[in-house]
Amino acid sequence: QEPSVLPARLPNLLVGGSSGIAVGMTTNIPPHNLGEICDAIIYLID
């Protein structure tokens, strides 16, 4: 299920990006444009 609320005012994980290795699986989240993230949040609210 998707969360009903965001844990912070600004989703730092999406803005800054991240990468890591856990239990043999790698994860790479690239940094995103802050304007696009704001547009997506407004779209979800509407």
PDB file of N, CA and C in Angstrom:
ATOM      1  N   GLN A   1       0.826  -1.177   0.000  1.00  0.00           N
ATOM      2  CA  GLN A   1       0.000   0.000   0.000  1.00  0.00           C
ATOM      3  C   GLN A   1       0.872   1.243   0.000  1.00  0.00           C
ATOM      4  N   GLU A   2       0.366   2.299  -0.637  1.00  0.00           N
ATOM      5  CA  GLU A   2       1.070   3.570  -0.630  1.00  0.00           C
ATOM      6  C   GLU A   2       0.772   4.309   0.667  1.00  0.00           C
ATOM      7  N   PRO A   3       1.741   5.062   1.177  1.00  0.00           N
ATOM      8  CA  PRO A   3       1.474   5.818   2.408  1.00  0.00           C
ATOM      9  C   PRO A   3       0.452   6.918   2.156  1.00  0.00           C
ATOM     10  N   SER A   4      -0.352   7.209   3.166  1.00  0.00           N
ATOM     11  CA  SER A   4      -1.366   8.255   3.019  1.00  0.00           C
ATOM     12  C   SER A   4      -0.787   9.638   3.289  1.00  0.00           C
ATOM     13  N   VAL A   5       0.327   9.718   4.000  1.00  0.00           N
ATOM     14  CA  VAL A   5       1.004  10.994   4.255  1.00  0.00           C
ATOM     15  C   VAL A   5       2.495  10.820   4.013  1.00  0.00           C
ATOM     16  N   LEU A   6       3.149  11.909   3.647  1.00  0.00           N
ATOM     17  CA  LEU A   6       4.594  11.866   3.470  1.00  0.00           C
ATOM     18  C   LEU A   6       5.269  12.054   4.822  1.00  0.00           C
ATOM     19  N   PRO A   7       6.393  11.387   5.085  1.00  0.00           N
ATOM     20  CA  PRO A   7       7.040  11.477   6.391  1.00  0.00           C
ATOM     21  C   PRO A   7       7.722  12.824   6.651  1.00  0.00           C
ATOM     22  N   ALA A   8       7.887  13.653   5.637  1.00  0.00           N
ATOM     23  CA  ALA A   8       8.534  14.956   5.818  1.00  0.00           C
ATOM     24  C   ALA A   8       7.924  15.952   4.841  1.00  0.00           C
ATOM     25  N   ARG A   9       8.187  17.213   5.064  1.00  0.00           N
ATOM     26  CA  ARG A   9       7.686  18.235   4.137  1.00  0.00           C
ATOM     27  C   ARG A   9       8.356  18.114   2.771  1.00  0.00           C
ATOM     28  N   LEU A  10       9.611  17.712   2.776  1.00  0.00           N
ATOM     29  CA  LEU A  10      10.370  17.564   1.542  1.00  0.00           C
ATOM     30  C   LEU A  10      10.941  16.151   1.484  1.00  0.00           C
ATOM     31  N   PRO A  11      10.620  15.380   0.436  1.00  0.00           N
ATOM     32  CA  PRO A  11      11.157  14.012   0.344  1.00  0.00           C
ATOM     33  C   PRO A  11      12.648  14.027  -0.012  1.00  0.00           C
ATOM     34  N   ASN A  12      13.489  14.097   1.013  1.00  0.00           N
ATOM     35  CA  ASN A  12      14.937  14.228   0.813  1.00  0.00           C
ATOM     36  C   ASN A  12      15.536  13.063   0.038  1.00  0.00           C
ATOM     37  N   LEU A  13      14.981  11.885   0.180  1.00  0.00           N
ATOM     38  CA  LEU A  13      15.519  10.727  -0.534  1.00  0.00           C
ATOM     39  C   LEU A  13      15.379  10.906  -2.040  1.00  0.00           C
ATOM     40  N   LEU A  14      14.247  11.440  -2.498  1.00  0.00           N
ATOM     41  CA  LEU A  14      14.056  11.644  -3.931  1.00  0.00           C
ATOM     42  C   LEU A  14      14.894  12.802  -4.456  1.00  0.00           C
ATOM     43  N   VAL A  15      15.043  13.861  -3.666  1.00  0.00           N
ATOM     44  CA  VAL A  15      15.801  15.025  -4.115  1.00  0.00           C
ATOM     45  C   VAL A  15      17.292  14.711  -4.183  1.00  0.00           C
ATOM     46  N   GLY A  16      17.818  14.075  -3.139  1.00  0.00           N
ATOM     47  CA  GLY A  16      19.254  13.826  -3.067  1.00  0.00           C
ATOM     48  C   GLY A  16      19.705  12.542  -3.723  1.00  0.00           C
ATOM     49  N   GLY A  17      18.807  11.562  -3.839  1.00  0.00           N
ATOM     50  CA  GLY A  17      19.188  10.272  -4.388  1.00  0.00           C
ATOM     51  C   GLY A  17      19.961   9.442  -3.376  1.00  0.00           C
ATOM     52  N   SER A  18      20.179   8.191  -3.710  1.00  0.00           N
ATOM     53  CA  SER A  18      20.892   7.298  -2.801  1.00  0.00           C
ATOM     54  C   SER A  18      21.286   6.036  -3.548  1.00  0.00           C
ATOM     55  N   SER A  19      22.242   5.327  -2.994  1.00  0.00           N
ATOM     56  CA  SER A  19      22.609   4.015  -3.521  1.00  0.00           C
ATOM     57  C   SER A  19      23.092   3.168  -2.361  1.00  0.00           C
ATOM     58  N   GLY A  20      22.916   1.856  -2.495  1.00  0.00           N
ATOM     59  CA  GLY A  20      23.346   0.986  -1.415  1.00  0.00           C
ATOM     60  C   GLY A  20      23.230  -0.476  -1.781  1.00  0.00           C
ATOM     61  N   ILE A  21      23.784  -1.316  -0.927  1.00  0.00           N
ATOM     62  CA  ILE A  21      23.755  -2.761  -1.115  1.00  0.00           C
ATOM     63  C   ILE A  21      23.222  -3.386   0.167  1.00  0.00           C
ATOM     64  N   ALA A  22      22.229  -4.257   0.027  1.00  0.00           N
ATOM     65  CA  ALA A  22      21.682  -4.953   1.195  1.00  0.00           C
ATOM     66  C   ALA A  22      21.237  -6.343   0.771  1.00  0.00           C
ATOM     67  N   VAL A  23      21.667  -7.350   1.461  1.00  0.00           N
ATOM     68  CA  VAL A  23      21.276  -8.744   1.255  1.00  0.00           C
ATOM     69  C   VAL A  23      21.459  -9.147  -0.211  1.00  0.00           C
ATOM     70  N   GLY A  24      22.551  -8.715  -0.798  1.00  0.00           N
ATOM     71  CA  GLY A  24      22.858  -9.126  -2.163  1.00  0.00           C
ATOM     72  C   GLY A  24      22.106  -8.377  -3.245  1.00  0.00           C
ATOM     73  N   MET A  25      21.304  -7.392  -2.889  1.00  0.00           N
ATOM     74  CA  MET A  25      20.569  -6.612  -3.886  1.00  0.00           C
ATOM     75  C   MET A  25      21.064  -5.168  -3.834  1.00  0.00           C
ATOM     76  N   THR A  26      21.285  -4.576  -4.998  1.00  0.00           N
ATOM     77  CA  THR A  26      21.730  -3.188  -5.032  1.00  0.00           C
ATOM     78  C   THR A  26      20.550  -2.273  -5.340  1.00  0.00           C
ATOM     79  N   THR A  27      20.620  -1.076  -4.823  1.00  0.00           N
ATOM     80  CA  THR A  27      19.587  -0.073  -5.053  1.00  0.00           C
ATOM     81  C   THR A  27      20.262   1.213  -5.488  1.00  0.00           C
ATOM     82  N   ASN A  28      19.715   1.841  -6.511  1.00  0.00           N
ATOM     83  CA  ASN A  28      20.235   3.113  -6.978  1.00  0.00           C
ATOM     84  C   ASN A  28      19.058   4.031  -7.270  1.00  0.00           C
ATOM     85  N   ILE A  29      18.896   5.081  -6.468  1.00  0.00           N
ATOM     86  CA  ILE A  29      17.835   6.063  -6.675  1.00  0.00           C
ATOM     87  C   ILE A  29      18.519   7.351  -7.129  1.00  0.00           C
ATOM     88  N   PRO A  30      18.343   7.743  -8.391  1.00  0.00           N
ATOM     89  CA  PRO A  30      19.019   8.953  -8.862  1.00  0.00           C
ATOM     90  C   PRO A  30      18.373  10.209  -8.276  1.00  0.00           C
ATOM     91  N   PRO A  31      19.125  11.317  -8.202  1.00  0.00           N
ATOM     92  CA  PRO A  31      18.527  12.564  -7.737  1.00  0.00           C
ATOM     93  C   PRO A  31      17.484  13.066  -8.728  1.00  0.00           C
ATOM     94  N   HIS A  32      16.443  13.692  -8.214  1.00  0.00           N
ATOM     95  CA  HIS A  32      15.367  14.198  -9.056  1.00  0.00           C
ATOM     96  C   HIS A  32      15.301  15.720  -8.968  1.00  0.00           C
ATOM     97  N   ASN A  33      14.671  16.313  -9.957  1.00  0.00           N
ATOM     98  CA  ASN A  33      14.482  17.753 -10.011  1.00  0.00           C
ATOM     99  C   ASN A  33      13.443  18.159  -8.972  1.00  0.00           C
ATOM    100  N   LEU A  34      13.751  19.163  -8.152  1.00  0.00           N
ATOM    101  CA  LEU A  34      12.848  19.593  -7.086  1.00  0.00           C
ATOM    102  C   LEU A  34      11.515  20.079  -7.648  1.00  0.00           C
ATOM    103  N   GLY A  35      11.533  20.766  -8.776  1.00  0.00           N
ATOM    104  CA  GLY A  35      10.293  21.242  -9.395  1.00  0.00           C
ATOM    105  C   GLY A  35       9.385  20.097  -9.807  1.00  0.00           C
ATOM    106  N   GLU A  36       9.963  19.038 -10.358  1.00  0.00           N
ATOM    107  CA  GLU A  36       9.168  17.875 -10.758  1.00  0.00           C
ATOM    108  C   GLU A  36       8.579  17.168  -9.543  1.00  0.00           C
ATOM    109  N   ILE A  37       9.335  17.109  -8.447  1.00  0.00           N
ATOM    110  CA  ILE A  37       8.827  16.477  -7.230  1.00  0.00           C
ATOM    111  C   ILE A  37       7.661  17.276  -6.674  1.00  0.00           C
ATOM    112  N   CYS A  38       7.777  18.608  -6.674  1.00  0.00           N
ATOM    113  CA  CYS A  38       6.674  19.453  -6.199  1.00  0.00           C
ATOM    114  C   CYS A  38       5.436  19.266  -7.068  1.00  0.00           C
ATOM    115  N   ASP A  39       5.617  19.205  -8.381  1.00  0.00           N
ATOM    116  CA  ASP A  39       4.484  18.968  -9.280  1.00  0.00           C
ATOM    117  C   ASP A  39       3.836  17.620  -9.004  1.00  0.00           C
ATOM    118  N   ALA A  40       4.638  16.595  -8.732  1.00  0.00           N
ATOM    119  CA  ALA A  40       4.095  15.265  -8.454  1.00  0.00           C
ATOM    120  C   ALA A  40       3.321  15.248  -7.140  1.00  0.00           C
ATOM    121  N   ILE A  41       3.821  15.950  -6.121  1.00  0.00           N
ATOM    122  CA  ILE A  41       3.117  16.006  -4.838  1.00  0.00           C
ATOM    123  C   ILE A  41       1.784  16.728  -4.996  1.00  0.00           C
ATOM    124  N   ILE A  42       1.779  17.837  -5.746  1.00  0.00           N
ATOM    125  CA  ILE A  42       0.527  18.561  -5.992  1.00  0.00           C
ATOM    126  C   ILE A  42      -0.445  17.680  -6.758  1.00  0.00           C
ATOM    127  N   TYR A  43       0.050  16.904  -7.728  1.00  0.00           N
ATOM    128  CA  TYR A  43      -0.806  15.993  -8.487  1.00  0.00           C
ATOM    129  C   TYR A  43      -1.427  14.938  -7.570  1.00  0.00           C
ATOM    130  N   LEU A  44      -0.631  14.391  -6.628  1.00  0.00           N
ATOM    131  CA  LEU A  44      -1.161  13.394  -5.696  1.00  0.00           C
ATOM    132  C   LEU A  44      -2.212  13.988  -4.769  1.00  0.00           C
ATOM    133  N   ILE A  45      -2.004  15.237  -4.347  1.00  0.00           N
ATOM    134  CA  ILE A  45      -2.969  15.880  -3.458  1.00  0.00           C
ATOM    135  C   ILE A  45      -4.292  16.103  -4.173  1.00  0.00           C
ATOM    136  N   ASP A  46      -4.218  16.526  -5.444  1.00  0.00           N
ATOM    137  CA  ASP A  46      -5.453  16.762  -6.214  1.00  0.00           C
ATOM    138  C   ASP A  46      -6.081  15.445  -6.559  1.00  0.00           C
TER     139      ASP A  46
END
